[in-house]
Amino acid sequence: MPTVCAQMKGKNIVVVGGTSGIGRSLAEQLVPHNRVFIIGRSSDK
């Protein structure tokens, strides 16, 4: 596997469907140490 995501720190990650469910949980876990950009229908979320 490419090492680009190794250790998951300082990476730019896009989560499509990141406003709820699995996507939101993933975004919350990644965002403390990475730049996380979520995409979803809800502008409020």
PDB file of all heavy atoms in Angstrom:
ATOM      1  N   MET A   1       0.849  -1.194   0.000  1.00  0.00           N
ATOM      2  CA  MET A   1       0.000   0.000   0.000  1.00  0.00           C
ATOM      3  C   MET A   1       0.881   1.239   0.000  1.00  0.00           C
ATOM      4  O   MET A   1       1.901   1.273   0.663  1.00  0.00           O
ATOM      5  CB  MET A   1      -0.909   0.021   1.234  1.00  0.00           C
ATOM      6  CG  MET A   1      -1.801   1.241   1.321  1.00  0.00           C
ATOM      7  SD  MET A   1      -2.897   1.166   2.757  1.00  0.00           S
ATOM      8  CE  MET A   1      -3.904  -0.230   2.282  1.00  0.00           C
ATOM      9  N   PRO A   2       0.505   2.299  -0.740  1.00  0.00           N
ATOM     10  CA  PRO A   2       1.295   3.517  -0.730  1.00  0.00           C
ATOM     11  C   PRO A   2       1.468   4.052   0.684  1.00  0.00           C
ATOM     12  O   PRO A   2       0.562   3.957   1.517  1.00  0.00           O
ATOM     13  CB  PRO A   2       0.450   4.476  -1.589  1.00  0.00           C
ATOM     14  CG  PRO A   2      -0.368   3.586  -2.452  1.00  0.00           C
ATOM     15  CD  PRO A   2      -0.654   2.375  -1.625  1.00  0.00           C
ATOM     16  N   THR A   3       2.628   4.593   0.964  1.00  0.00           N
ATOM     17  CA  THR A   3       2.895   5.100   2.311  1.00  0.00           C
ATOM     18  C   THR A   3       2.347   6.499   2.511  1.00  0.00           C
ATOM     19  O   THR A   3       2.534   7.088   3.565  1.00  0.00           O
ATOM     20  CB  THR A   3       4.408   5.123   2.558  1.00  0.00           C
ATOM     21  OG1 THR A   3       5.045   5.936   1.558  1.00  0.00           O
ATOM     22  CG2 THR A   3       4.993   3.721   2.508  1.00  0.00           C
ATOM     23  N   VAL A   4       1.641   7.035   1.505  1.00  0.00           N
ATOM     24  CA  VAL A   4       1.174   8.417   1.570  1.00  0.00           C
ATOM     25  C   VAL A   4       0.300   8.669   2.792  1.00  0.00           C
ATOM     26  O   VAL A   4       0.264   9.763   3.336  1.00  0.00           O
ATOM     27  CB  VAL A   4       0.418   8.795   0.279  1.00  0.00           C
ATOM     28  CG1 VAL A   4      -0.864   8.001   0.136  1.00  0.00           C
ATOM     29  CG2 VAL A   4       0.126  10.276   0.219  1.00  0.00           C
ATOM     30  N   CYS A   5      -0.432   7.637   3.249  1.00  0.00           N
ATOM     31  CA  CYS A   5      -1.313   7.821   4.393  1.00  0.00           C
ATOM     32  C   CYS A   5      -0.737   7.239   5.682  1.00  0.00           C
ATOM     33  O   CYS A   5      -1.432   7.178   6.690  1.00  0.00           O
ATOM     34  CB  CYS A   5      -2.683   7.192   4.111  1.00  0.00           C
ATOM     35  SG  CYS A   5      -3.634   8.086   2.871  1.00  0.00           S
ATOM     36  N   ALA A   6       0.519   6.793   5.640  1.00  0.00           N
ATOM     37  CA  ALA A   6       1.103   6.178   6.822  1.00  0.00           C
ATOM     38  C   ALA A   6       1.068   7.136   8.003  1.00  0.00           C
ATOM     39  O   ALA A   6       1.359   8.319   7.874  1.00  0.00           O
ATOM     40  CB  ALA A   6       2.541   5.766   6.531  1.00  0.00           C
ATOM     41  N   GLN A   7       0.680   6.587   9.153  1.00  0.00           N
ATOM     42  CA  GLN A   7       0.592   7.301  10.426  1.00  0.00           C
ATOM     43  C   GLN A   7      -0.523   8.342  10.458  1.00  0.00           C
ATOM     44  O   GLN A   7      -0.854   8.854  11.513  1.00  0.00           O
ATOM     45  CB  GLN A   7       1.930   7.975  10.768  1.00  0.00           C
ATOM     46  CG  GLN A   7       3.063   6.971  10.927  1.00  0.00           C
ATOM     47  CD  GLN A   7       4.373   7.643  11.275  1.00  0.00           C
ATOM     48  OE1 GLN A   7       4.442   8.854  11.464  1.00  0.00           O
ATOM     49  NE2 GLN A   7       5.415   6.849  11.354  1.00  0.00           N
ATOM     50  N   MET A   8      -1.119   8.640   9.351  1.00  0.00           N
ATOM     51  CA  MET A   8      -2.278   9.529   9.285  1.00  0.00           C
ATOM     52  C   MET A   8      -2.076  10.827  10.055  1.00  0.00           C
ATOM     53  O   MET A   8      -2.881  11.204  10.907  1.00  0.00           O
ATOM     54  CB  MET A   8      -3.520   8.795   9.802  1.00  0.00           C
ATOM     55  CG  MET A   8      -3.960   7.651   8.922  1.00  0.00           C
ATOM     56  SD  MET A   8      -4.099   8.099   7.177  1.00  0.00           S
ATOM     57  CE  MET A   8      -5.327   9.384   7.270  1.00  0.00           C
ATOM     58  N   LYS A   9      -1.001  11.494   9.761  1.00  0.00           N
ATOM     59  CA  LYS A   9      -0.747  12.809  10.346  1.00  0.00           C
ATOM     60  C   LYS A   9      -0.328  13.773   9.246  1.00  0.00           C
ATOM     61  O   LYS A   9       0.490  13.445   8.402  1.00  0.00           O
ATOM     62  CB  LYS A   9       0.345  12.732  11.422  1.00  0.00           C
ATOM     63  CG  LYS A   9      -0.074  11.973  12.672  1.00  0.00           C
ATOM     64  CD  LYS A   9       1.012  12.024  13.735  1.00  0.00           C
ATOM     65  CE  LYS A   9       0.565  11.299  15.002  1.00  0.00           C
ATOM     66  NZ  LYS A   9       1.604  11.339  16.059  1.00  0.00           N
ATOM     67  N   GLY A  10      -0.917  14.949   9.291  1.00  0.00           N
ATOM     68  CA  GLY A  10      -0.560  15.978   8.326  1.00  0.00           C
ATOM     69  C   GLY A  10      -1.013  15.692   6.915  1.00  0.00           C
ATOM     70  O   GLY A  10      -0.441  16.232   5.963  1.00  0.00           O
ATOM     71  N   LYS A  11      -2.063  14.873   6.744  1.00  0.00           N
ATOM     72  CA  LYS A  11      -2.562  14.520   5.410  1.00  0.00           C
ATOM     73  C   LYS A  11      -3.813  15.324   5.069  1.00  0.00           C
ATOM     74  O   LYS A  11      -4.513  15.834   5.948  1.00  0.00           O
ATOM     75  CB  LYS A  11      -2.891  13.023   5.339  1.00  0.00           C
ATOM     76  CG  LYS A  11      -1.768  12.110   5.792  1.00  0.00           C
ATOM     77  CD  LYS A  11      -0.510  12.288   4.976  1.00  0.00           C
ATOM     78  CE  LYS A  11       0.585  11.344   5.451  1.00  0.00           C
ATOM     79  NZ  LYS A  11       1.850  11.535   4.719  1.00  0.00           N
ATOM     80  N   ASN A  12      -4.080  15.439   3.787  1.00  0.00           N
ATOM     81  CA  ASN A  12      -5.317  16.041   3.293  1.00  0.00           C
ATOM     82  C   ASN A  12      -6.267  14.916   2.892  1.00  0.00           C
ATOM     83  O   ASN A  12      -5.985  14.177   1.943  1.00  0.00           O
ATOM     84  CB  ASN A  12      -5.053  16.937   2.086  1.00  0.00           C
ATOM     85  CG  ASN A  12      -4.331  18.218   2.445  1.00  0.00           C
ATOM     86  OD1 ASN A  12      -4.339  18.646   3.592  1.00  0.00           O
ATOM     87  ND2 ASN A  12      -3.698  18.841   1.465  1.00  0.00           N
ATOM     88  N   ILE A  13      -7.367  14.790   3.619  1.00  0.00           N
ATOM     89  CA  ILE A  13      -8.311  13.693   3.395  1.00  0.00           C
ATOM     90  C   ILE A  13      -9.680  14.262   3.034  1.00  0.00           C
ATOM     91  O   ILE A  13     -10.188  15.161   3.707  1.00  0.00           O
ATOM     92  CB  ILE A  13      -8.456  12.809   4.653  1.00  0.00           C
ATOM     93  CG1 ILE A  13      -7.084  12.386   5.189  1.00  0.00           C
ATOM     94  CG2 ILE A  13      -9.332  11.596   4.347  1.00  0.00           C
ATOM     95  CD1 ILE A  13      -6.287  11.521   4.254  1.00  0.00           C
ATOM     96  N   VAL A  14     -10.276  13.715   1.990  1.00  0.00           N
ATOM     97  CA  VAL A  14     -11.631  14.089   1.590  1.00  0.00           C
ATOM     98  C   VAL A  14     -12.564  12.938   1.933  1.00  0.00           C
ATOM     99  O   VAL A  14     -12.307  11.781   1.577  1.00  0.00           O
ATOM    100  CB  VAL A  14     -11.709  14.391   0.080  1.00  0.00           C
ATOM    101  CG1 VAL A  14     -13.156  14.654  -0.335  1.00  0.00           C
ATOM    102  CG2 VAL A  14     -10.832  15.586  -0.272  1.00  0.00           C
ATOM    103  N   VAL A  15     -13.639  13.238   2.660  1.00  0.00           N
ATOM    104  CA  VAL A  15     -14.636  12.234   3.021  1.00  0.00           C
ATOM    105  C   VAL A  15     -15.959  12.614   2.364  1.00  0.00           C
ATOM    106  O   VAL A  15     -16.604  13.589   2.763  1.00  0.00           O
ATOM    107  CB  VAL A  15     -14.812  12.121   4.552  1.00  0.00           C
ATOM    108  CG1 VAL A  15     -15.830  11.028   4.877  1.00  0.00           C
ATOM    109  CG2 VAL A  15     -13.479  11.830   5.235  1.00  0.00           C
ATOM    110  N   VAL A  16     -16.348  11.871   1.352  1.00  0.00           N
ATOM    111  CA  VAL A  16     -17.630  12.092   0.681  1.00  0.00           C
ATOM    112  C   VAL A  16     -18.699  11.364   1.479  1.00  0.00           C
ATOM    113  O   VAL A  16     -18.582  10.166   1.733  1.00  0.00           O
ATOM    114  CB  VAL A  16     -17.597  11.584  -0.768  1.00  0.00           C
ATOM    115  CG1 VAL A  16     -18.917  11.911  -1.470  1.00  0.00           C
ATOM    116  CG2 VAL A  16     -16.418  12.181  -1.535  1.00  0.00           C
ATOM    117  N   GLY A  17     -19.730  12.091   1.892  1.00  0.00           N
ATOM    118  CA  GLY A  17     -20.703  11.531   2.813  1.00  0.00           C
ATOM    119  C   GLY A  17     -20.233  11.716   4.245  1.00  0.00           C
ATOM    120  O   GLY A  17     -20.561  10.918   5.129  1.00  0.00           O
ATOM    121  N   GLY A  18     -19.487  12.782   4.482  1.00  0.00           N
ATOM    122  CA  GLY A  18     -18.893  13.015   5.789  1.00  0.00           C
ATOM    123  C   GLY A  18     -19.760  13.784   6.761  1.00  0.00           C
ATOM    124  O   GLY A  18     -19.276  14.170   7.831  1.00  0.00           O
ATOM    125  N   THR A  19     -21.018  14.013   6.423  1.00  0.00           N
ATOM    126  CA  THR A  19     -21.887  14.779   7.325  1.00  0.00           C
ATOM    127  C   THR A  19     -22.632  13.907   8.322  1.00  0.00           C
ATOM    128  O   THR A  19     -23.225  14.414   9.274  1.00  0.00           O
ATOM    129  CB  THR A  19     -22.916  15.607   6.520  1.00  0.00           C
ATOM    130  OG1 THR A  19     -23.628  14.744   5.628  1.00  0.00           O
ATOM    131  CG2 THR A  19     -22.216  16.699   5.724  1.00  0.00           C
ATOM    132  N   SER A  20     -22.624  12.579   8.122  1.00  0.00           N
ATOM    133  CA  SER A  20     -23.343  11.699   9.047  1.00  0.00           C
ATOM    134  C   SER A  20     -22.784  10.288   8.965  1.00  0.00           C
ATOM    135  O   SER A  20     -21.970   9.975   8.087  1.00  0.00           O
ATOM    136  CB  SER A  20     -24.853  11.680   8.730  1.00  0.00           C
ATOM    137  OG  SER A  20     -25.081  11.171   7.428  1.00  0.00           O
ATOM    138  N   GLY A  21     -23.228   9.435   9.892  1.00  0.00           N
ATOM    139  CA  GLY A  21     -22.897   8.021   9.850  1.00  0.00           C
ATOM    140  C   GLY A  21     -21.414   7.719   9.898  1.00  0.00           C
ATOM    141  O   GLY A  21     -20.634   8.358  10.606  1.00  0.00           O
ATOM    142  N   ILE A  22     -21.018   6.708   9.127  1.00  0.00           N
ATOM    143  CA  ILE A  22     -19.622   6.269   9.085  1.00  0.00           C
ATOM    144  C   ILE A  22     -18.708   7.402   8.646  1.00  0.00           C
ATOM    145  O   ILE A  22     -17.629   7.607   9.217  1.00  0.00           O
ATOM    146  CB  ILE A  22     -19.476   5.061   8.139  1.00  0.00           C
ATOM    147  CG1 ILE A  22     -20.208   3.847   8.702  1.00  0.00           C
ATOM    148  CG2 ILE A  22     -18.007   4.734   7.898  1.00  0.00           C
ATOM    149  CD1 ILE A  22     -20.322   2.692   7.724  1.00  0.00           C
ATOM    150  N   GLY A  23     -19.132   8.145   7.638  1.00  0.00           N
ATOM    151  CA  GLY A  23     -18.305   9.227   7.125  1.00  0.00           C
ATOM    152  C   GLY A  23     -18.012  10.286   8.174  1.00  0.00           C
ATOM    153  O   GLY A  23     -16.871  10.759   8.298  1.00  0.00           O
ATOM    154  N   ARG A  24     -19.039  10.656   8.947  1.00  0.00           N
ATOM    155  CA  ARG A  24     -18.821  11.674   9.982  1.00  0.00           C
ATOM    156  C   ARG A  24     -17.932  11.140  11.100  1.00  0.00           C
ATOM    157  O   ARG A  24     -17.048  11.859  11.595  1.00  0.00           O
ATOM    158  CB  ARG A  24     -20.165  12.135  10.549  1.00  0.00           C
ATOM    159  CG  ARG A  24     -20.045  13.256  11.597  1.00  0.00           C
ATOM    160  CD  ARG A  24     -19.319  14.498  11.029  1.00  0.00           C
ATOM    161  NE  ARG A  24     -19.194  15.554  11.997  1.00  0.00           N
ATOM    162  CZ  ARG A  24     -20.046  16.588  12.100  1.00  0.00           C
ATOM    163  NH1 ARG A  24     -21.091  16.660  11.283  1.00  0.00           N
ATOM    164  NH2 ARG A  24     -19.875  17.519  12.997  1.00  0.00           N
ATOM    165  N   SER A  25     -18.139   9.886  11.503  1.00  0.00           N
ATOM    166  CA  SER A  25     -17.286   9.294  12.536  1.00  0.00           C
ATOM    167  C   SER A  25     -15.830   9.263  12.081  1.00  0.00           C
ATOM    168  O   SER A  25     -14.911   9.559  12.856  1.00  0.00           O
ATOM    169  CB  SER A  25     -17.754   7.873  12.867  1.00  0.00           C
ATOM    170  OG  SER A  25     -19.015   7.886  13.507  1.00  0.00           O
ATOM    171  N   LEU A  26     -15.614   8.906  10.829  1.00  0.00           N
ATOM    172  CA  LEU A  26     -14.253   8.874  10.292  1.00  0.00           C
ATOM    173  C   LEU A  26     -13.637  10.266  10.287  1.00  0.00           C
ATOM    174  O   LEU A  26     -12.483  10.451  10.698  1.00  0.00           O
ATOM    175  CB  LEU A  26     -14.268   8.303   8.878  1.00  0.00           C
ATOM    176  CG  LEU A  26     -12.918   8.300   8.154  1.00  0.00           C
ATOM    177  CD1 LEU A  26     -11.928   7.384   8.864  1.00  0.00           C
ATOM    178  CD2 LEU A  26     -13.095   7.901   6.699  1.00  0.00           C
ATOM    179  N   ALA A  27     -14.405  11.249   9.834  1.00  0.00           N
ATOM    180  CA  ALA A  27     -13.897  12.622   9.789  1.00  0.00           C
ATOM    181  C   ALA A  27     -13.501  13.111  11.179  1.00  0.00           C
ATOM    182  O   ALA A  27     -12.454  13.761  11.347  1.00  0.00           O
ATOM    183  CB  ALA A  27     -14.948  13.544   9.169  1.00  0.00           C
ATOM    184  N   GLU A  28     -14.320  12.797  12.177  1.00  0.00           N
ATOM    185  CA  GLU A  28     -14.027  13.228  13.549  1.00  0.00           C
ATOM    186  C   GLU A  28     -12.747  12.578  14.086  1.00  0.00           C
ATOM    187  O   GLU A  28     -12.001  13.196  14.849  1.00  0.00           O
ATOM    188  CB  GLU A  28     -15.210  12.875  14.471  1.00  0.00           C
ATOM    189  CG  GLU A  28     -16.513  13.604  14.152  1.00  0.00           C
ATOM    190  CD  GLU A  28     -16.490  15.062  14.590  1.00  0.00           C
ATOM    191  OE1 GLU A  28     -15.539  15.468  15.268  1.00  0.00           O
ATOM    192  OE2 GLU A  28     -17.448  15.785  14.233  1.00  0.00           O
ATOM    193  N   GLN A  29     -12.497  11.340  13.691  1.00  0.00           N
ATOM    194  CA  GLN A  29     -11.298  10.659  14.166  1.00  0.00           C
ATOM    195  C   GLN A  29     -10.031  11.136  13.464  1.00  0.00           C
ATOM    196  O   GLN A  29      -8.947  11.103  14.036  1.00  0.00           O
ATOM    197  CB  GLN A  29     -11.459   9.144  13.994  1.00  0.00           C
ATOM    198  CG  GLN A  29     -12.518   8.550  14.911  1.00  0.00           C
ATOM    199  CD  GLN A  29     -12.598   7.038  14.828  1.00  0.00           C
ATOM    200  OE1 GLN A  29     -11.615   6.369  14.543  1.00  0.00           O
ATOM    201  NE2 GLN A  29     -13.785   6.492  15.078  1.00  0.00           N
ATOM    202  N   LEU A  30     -10.168  11.572  12.232  1.00  0.00           N
ATOM    203  CA  LEU A  30      -9.003  12.008  11.467  1.00  0.00           C
ATOM    204  C   LEU A  30      -8.627  13.469  11.699  1.00  0.00           C
ATOM    205  O   LEU A  30      -7.452  13.841  11.597  1.00  0.00           O
ATOM    206  CB  LEU A  30      -9.262  11.806   9.969  1.00  0.00           C
ATOM    207  CG  LEU A  30      -9.339  10.372   9.458  1.00  0.00           C
ATOM    208  CD1 LEU A  30      -9.747  10.371   7.988  1.00  0.00           C
ATOM    209  CD2 LEU A  30      -7.999   9.665   9.623  1.00  0.00           C
ATOM    210  N   VAL A  31      -9.614  14.309  11.989  1.00  0.00           N
ATOM    211  CA  VAL A  31      -9.397  15.755  11.961  1.00  0.00           C
ATOM    212  C   VAL A  31      -8.435  16.291  13.020  1.00  0.00           C
ATOM    213  O   VAL A  31      -7.814  17.342  12.782  1.00  0.00           O
ATOM    214  CB  VAL A  31     -10.758  16.495  12.013  1.00  0.00           C
ATOM    215  CG1 VAL A  31     -11.350  16.479  13.420  1.00  0.00           C
ATOM    216  CG2 VAL A  31     -10.628  17.920  11.481  1.00  0.00           C
ATOM    217  N   PRO A  32      -8.217  15.641  14.160  1.00  0.00           N
ATOM    218  CA  PRO A  32      -7.254  16.208  15.107  1.00  0.00           C
ATOM    219  C   PRO A  32      -5.835  16.319  14.557  1.00  0.00           C
ATOM    220  O   PRO A  32      -5.077  17.220  14.943  1.00  0.00           O
ATOM    221  CB  PRO A  32      -7.309  15.232  16.293  1.00  0.00           C
ATOM    222  CG  PRO A  32      -8.673  14.639  16.233  1.00  0.00           C
ATOM    223  CD  PRO A  32      -8.941  14.494  14.764  1.00  0.00           C
ATOM    224  N   HIS A  33      -5.457  15.418  13.639  1.00  0.00           N
ATOM    225  CA  HIS A  33      -4.076  15.405  13.154  1.00  0.00           C
ATOM    226  C   HIS A  33      -3.965  15.555  11.636  1.00  0.00           C
ATOM    227  O   HIS A  33      -2.870  15.443  11.080  1.00  0.00           O
ATOM    228  CB  HIS A  33      -3.392  14.104  13.568  1.00  0.00           C
ATOM    229  CG  HIS A  33      -3.380  13.880  15.051  1.00  0.00           C
ATOM    230  ND1 HIS A  33      -2.652  14.668  15.919  1.00  0.00           N
ATOM    231  CD2 HIS A  33      -4.043  12.972  15.820  1.00  0.00           C
ATOM    232  CE1 HIS A  33      -2.842  14.255  17.160  1.00  0.00           C
ATOM    233  NE2 HIS A  33      -3.691  13.234  17.131  1.00  0.00           N
ATOM    234  N   ASN A  34      -5.082  15.797  10.967  1.00  0.00           N
ATOM    235  CA  ASN A  34      -5.084  15.908   9.508  1.00  0.00           C
ATOM    236  C   ASN A  34      -6.022  17.008   9.061  1.00  0.00           C
ATOM    237  O   ASN A  34      -6.910  17.419   9.810  1.00  0.00           O
ATOM    238  CB  ASN A  34      -5.537  14.583   8.875  1.00  0.00           C
ATOM    239  CG  ASN A  34      -4.673  13.409   9.262  1.00  0.00           C
ATOM    240  OD1 ASN A  34      -3.635  13.160   8.672  1.00  0.00           O
ATOM    241  ND2 ASN A  34      -5.108  12.673  10.289  1.00  0.00           N
ATOM    242  N   ARG A  35      -5.838  17.477   7.847  1.00  0.00           N
ATOM    243  CA  ARG A  35      -6.778  18.397   7.230  1.00  0.00           C
ATOM    244  C   ARG A  35      -7.882  17.546   6.604  1.00  0.00           C
ATOM    245  O   ARG A  35      -7.624  16.737   5.702  1.00  0.00           O
ATOM    246  CB  ARG A  35      -6.072  19.229   6.154  1.00  0.00           C
ATOM    247  CG  ARG A  35      -6.984  20.066   5.271  1.00  0.00           C
ATOM    248  CD  ARG A  35      -7.619  21.200   6.012  1.00  0.00           C
ATOM    249  NE  ARG A  35      -8.248  22.155   5.104  1.00  0.00           N
ATOM    250  CZ  ARG A  35      -9.252  22.927   5.415  1.00  0.00           C
ATOM    251  NH1 ARG A  35      -9.765  22.879   6.640  1.00  0.00           N
ATOM    252  NH2 ARG A  35      -9.760  23.780   4.547  1.00  0.00           N
ATOM    253  N   VAL A  36      -9.109  17.666   7.114  1.00  0.00           N
ATOM    254  CA  VAL A  36     -10.211  16.827   6.665  1.00  0.00           C
ATOM    255  C   VAL A  36     -11.284  17.699   6.021  1.00  0.00           C
ATOM    256  O   VAL A  36     -11.786  18.648   6.637  1.00  0.00           O
ATOM    257  CB  VAL A  36     -10.812  16.007   7.823  1.00  0.00           C
ATOM    258  CG1 VAL A  36     -11.985  15.166   7.329  1.00  0.00           C
ATOM    259  CG2 VAL A  36      -9.747  15.120   8.447  1.00  0.00           C
ATOM    260  N   PHE A  37     -11.637  17.355   4.798  1.00  0.00           N
ATOM    261  CA  PHE A  37     -12.627  18.100   4.033  1.00  0.00           C
ATOM    262  C   PHE A  37     -13.800  17.172   3.756  1.00  0.00           C
ATOM    263  O   PHE A  37     -13.648  16.150   3.087  1.00  0.00           O
ATOM    264  CB  PHE A  37     -12.006  18.574   2.717  1.00  0.00           C
ATOM    265  CG  PHE A  37     -12.736  19.706   2.058  1.00  0.00           C
ATOM    266  CD1 PHE A  37     -12.466  21.025   2.405  1.00  0.00           C
ATOM    267  CD2 PHE A  37     -13.685  19.460   1.085  1.00  0.00           C
ATOM    268  CE1 PHE A  37     -13.129  22.072   1.787  1.00  0.00           C
ATOM    269  CE2 PHE A  37     -14.356  20.499   0.470  1.00  0.00           C
ATOM    270  CZ  PHE A  37     -14.077  21.816   0.823  1.00  0.00           C
ATOM    271  N   ILE A  38     -14.978  17.507   4.318  1.00  0.00           N
ATOM    272  CA  ILE A  38     -16.138  16.650   4.142  1.00  0.00           C
ATOM    273  C   ILE A  38     -17.053  17.214   3.051  1.00  0.00           C
ATOM    274  O   ILE A  38     -17.106  18.418   2.823  1.00  0.00           O
ATOM    275  CB  ILE A  38     -16.933  16.469   5.452  1.00  0.00           C
ATOM    276  CG1 ILE A  38     -17.561  17.784   5.912  1.00  0.00           C
ATOM    277  CG2 ILE A  38     -16.042  15.880   6.538  1.00  0.00           C
ATOM    278  CD1 ILE A  38     -18.508  17.624   7.101  1.00  0.00           C
ATOM    279  N   ILE A  39     -17.754  16.301   2.387  1.00  0.00           N
ATOM    280  CA  ILE A  39     -18.719  16.683   1.350  1.00  0.00           C
ATOM    281  C   ILE A  39     -20.033  15.976   1.664  1.00  0.00           C
ATOM    282  O   ILE A  39     -20.052  14.769   1.918  1.00  0.00           O
ATOM    283  CB  ILE A  39     -18.237  16.285  -0.054  1.00  0.00           C
ATOM    284  CG1 ILE A  39     -16.889  16.927  -0.368  1.00  0.00           C
ATOM    285  CG2 ILE A  39     -19.267  16.679  -1.111  1.00  0.00           C
ATOM    286  CD1 ILE A  39     -16.278  16.463  -1.680  1.00  0.00           C
ATOM    287  N   GLY A  40     -21.129  16.725   1.666  1.00  0.00           N
ATOM    288  CA  GLY A  40     -22.432  16.145   1.945  1.00  0.00           C
ATOM    289  C   GLY A  40     -23.538  17.102   1.578  1.00  0.00           C
ATOM    290  O   GLY A  40     -23.292  18.266   1.247  1.00  0.00           O
ATOM    291  N   ARG A  41     -24.772  16.605   1.649  1.00  0.00           N
ATOM    292  CA  ARG A  41     -25.913  17.426   1.257  1.00  0.00           C
ATOM    293  C   ARG A  41     -26.211  18.558   2.240  1.00  0.00           C
ATOM    294  O   ARG A  41     -26.650  19.626   1.848  1.00  0.00           O
ATOM    295  CB  ARG A  41     -27.171  16.554   1.137  1.00  0.00           C
ATOM    296  CG  ARG A  41     -27.239  15.698  -0.121  1.00  0.00           C
ATOM    297  CD  ARG A  41     -28.618  15.060  -0.220  1.00  0.00           C
ATOM    298  NE  ARG A  41     -28.769  14.301  -1.448  1.00  0.00           N
ATOM    299  CZ  ARG A  41     -28.507  13.018  -1.562  1.00  0.00           C
ATOM    300  NH1 ARG A  41     -28.052  12.363  -0.510  1.00  0.00           N
ATOM    301  NH2 ARG A  41     -28.675  12.394  -2.703  1.00  0.00           N
ATOM    302  N   SER A  42     -25.976  18.343   3.524  1.00  0.00           N
ATOM    303  CA  SER A  42     -26.391  19.298   4.547  1.00  0.00           C
ATOM    304  C   SER A  42     -25.379  20.427   4.723  1.00  0.00           C
ATOM    305  O   SER A  42     -24.288  20.219   5.255  1.00  0.00           O
ATOM    306  CB  SER A  42     -26.585  18.578   5.879  1.00  0.00           C
ATOM    307  OG  SER A  42     -26.823  19.497   6.917  1.00  0.00           O
ATOM    308  N   SER A  43     -25.754  21.612   4.309  1.00  0.00           N
ATOM    309  CA  SER A  43     -24.861  22.764   4.482  1.00  0.00           C
ATOM    310  C   SER A  43     -24.674  23.087   5.960  1.00  0.00           C
ATOM    311  O   SER A  43     -23.592  23.526   6.375  1.00  0.00           O
ATOM    312  CB  SER A  43     -25.417  23.980   3.734  1.00  0.00           C
ATOM    313  OG  SER A  43     -26.713  24.316   4.188  1.00  0.00           O
ATOM    314  N   ASP A  44     -25.717  22.857   6.768  1.00  0.00           N
ATOM    315  CA  ASP A  44     -25.607  23.123   8.206  1.00  0.00           C
ATOM    316  C   ASP A  44     -24.561  22.217   8.852  1.00  0.00           C
ATOM    317  O   ASP A  44     -23.760  22.663   9.680  1.00  0.00           O
ATOM    318  CB  ASP A  44     -26.961  22.923   8.896  1.00  0.00           C
ATOM    319  CG  ASP A  44     -27.970  23.999   8.534  1.00  0.00           C
ATOM    320  OD1 ASP A  44     -27.538  25.066   8.043  1.00  0.00           O
ATOM    321  OD2 ASP A  44     -29.180  23.772   8.731  1.00  0.00           O
ATOM    322  N   LYS A  45     -24.561  20.938   8.500  1.00  0.00           N
ATOM    323  CA  LYS A  45     -23.601  20.005   9.089  1.00  0.00           C
ATOM    324  C   LYS A  45     -22.187  20.269   8.599  1.00  0.00           C
ATOM    325  O   LYS A  45     -21.213  20.092   9.348  1.00  0.00           O
ATOM    326  CB  LYS A  45     -24.023  18.567   8.780  1.00  0.00           C
ATOM    327  CG  LYS A  45     -25.295  18.140   9.497  1.00  0.00           C
ATOM    328  CD  LYS A  45     -25.651  16.697   9.184  1.00  0.00           C
ATOM    329  CE  LYS A  45     -26.918  16.272   9.922  1.00  0.00           C
ATOM    330  NZ  LYS A  45     -27.300  14.868   9.623  1.00  0.00           N
TER     331      LYS A  45
END
